[in-house]
Amino acid sequence: MQGEWKKWMSDHAKMITDTGVGGKTKRVSSNGTSNAKNDIILYSFVEAESHEAAARAFENHPPLQIPQSTIEVMEARPMGGM
């Protein structure tokens, strides 16, 4: 699968602006800060024509061969006035 992943990354290199590995998580609330857990293993920032186009680009991503694996695609927009 590593070879397939490298090929996918190469094929989609123009849309990927940043990739990283998830790490320890903290949850901050009005009650303070505590340790937390999430399912993020890897993340990538991508640029695409639309949210739907970004999601379609991941439809054949090699890690989806792993049973019960998923990829979440979240739209990120700039905050106004910043």
Protein backbone atom coordinates (compact mmCIF):
# COMPACT_ATOMS: atom_id res chain seq x y z
CA MET A 1 0.00 0.00 0.00
CA GLN A 2 2.92 2.37 0.58
CA GLY A 3 3.72 2.38 -3.15
CA GLU A 4 0.09 3.13 -3.99
CA TRP A 5 0.02 5.93 -1.40
CA LYS A 6 3.19 7.50 -2.85
CA LYS A 7 1.69 7.33 -6.35
CA TRP A 8 -1.54 8.93 -5.15
CA MET A 9 0.43 11.71 -3.42
CA SER A 10 2.46 12.29 -6.58
CA ASP A 11 -0.66 12.32 -8.77
CA HIS A 12 -2.33 14.88 -6.47
CA ALA A 13 0.76 16.94 -5.52
CA LYS A 14 -0.57 20.15 -7.10
CA MET A 15 -3.59 20.27 -4.79
CA ILE A 16 -1.76 19.43 -1.52
CA THR A 17 -0.46 22.53 0.27
CA ASP A 18 0.53 20.95 3.61
CA THR A 19 0.59 17.49 5.21
CA GLY A 20 1.29 16.51 8.78
CA VAL A 21 0.81 13.93 11.50
CA GLY A 22 -1.75 14.26 14.29
CA GLY A 23 -0.46 14.49 17.83
CA LYS A 24 -1.52 14.82 21.43
CA THR A 25 -4.80 16.65 21.85
CA LYS A 26 -6.04 19.07 24.52
CA ARG A 27 -9.67 20.08 24.93
CA VAL A 28 -10.26 23.60 26.21
CA SER A 29 -13.64 24.60 27.66
CA SER A 30 -14.96 27.13 30.14
CA ASN A 31 -14.12 24.51 32.78
CA GLY A 32 -10.42 24.47 31.87
CA THR A 33 -8.08 22.28 29.84
CA SER A 34 -7.98 18.48 29.76
CA ASN A 35 -6.42 15.70 27.74
CA ALA A 36 -8.57 14.51 24.86
CA LYS A 37 -8.51 11.91 22.10
CA ASN A 38 -9.46 12.19 18.45
CA ASP A 39 -9.08 9.90 15.45
CA ILE A 40 -6.80 12.17 13.42
CA ILE A 41 -3.73 10.25 12.30
CA LEU A 42 -2.67 12.36 9.32
CA TYR A 43 -3.94 15.60 7.88
CA SER A 44 -3.51 17.48 4.62
CA PHE A 45 -4.51 20.93 3.50
CA VAL A 46 -5.62 20.87 -0.11
CA GLU A 47 -6.81 23.45 -2.60
CA ALA A 48 -9.66 22.46 -4.91
CA GLU A 49 -12.38 24.05 -7.02
CA SER A 50 -14.97 23.15 -4.38
CA HIS A 51 -15.57 21.15 -1.23
CA GLU A 52 -17.10 18.40 -3.39
CA ALA A 53 -14.09 18.36 -5.75
CA ALA A 54 -11.74 17.98 -2.79
CA ALA A 55 -13.80 15.06 -1.45
CA ARG A 56 -13.90 13.35 -4.86
CA ALA A 57 -10.09 13.53 -5.06
CA PHE A 58 -9.89 11.24 -2.01
CA GLU A 59 -12.42 8.65 -3.18
CA ASN A 60 -9.72 6.18 -4.31
CA HIS A 61 -7.11 7.02 -1.68
CA PRO A 62 -5.15 3.81 -0.91
CA PRO A 63 -5.73 3.80 2.90
CA LEU A 64 -9.45 3.34 2.20
CA GLN A 65 -8.53 -0.29 1.46
CA ILE A 66 -8.19 -0.73 5.24
CA PRO A 67 -11.53 -1.93 6.65
CA GLN A 68 -13.50 0.78 8.46
CA SER A 69 -11.03 3.53 7.50
CA THR A 70 -12.44 6.92 6.58
CA ILE A 71 -11.27 10.28 5.32
CA GLU A 72 -13.04 13.43 6.44
CA VAL A 73 -12.89 16.48 4.17
CA MET A 74 -13.64 19.72 5.97
CA GLU A 75 -13.99 23.04 4.21
CA ALA A 76 -11.77 25.72 5.72
CA ARG A 77 -12.54 29.33 4.93
CA PRO A 78 -10.67 32.46 6.01
CA MET A 79 -12.16 34.39 8.91
CA GLY A 80 -13.44 37.78 7.87
CA GLY A 81 -11.52 40.83 9.02
CA MET A 82 -8.34 38.97 9.91
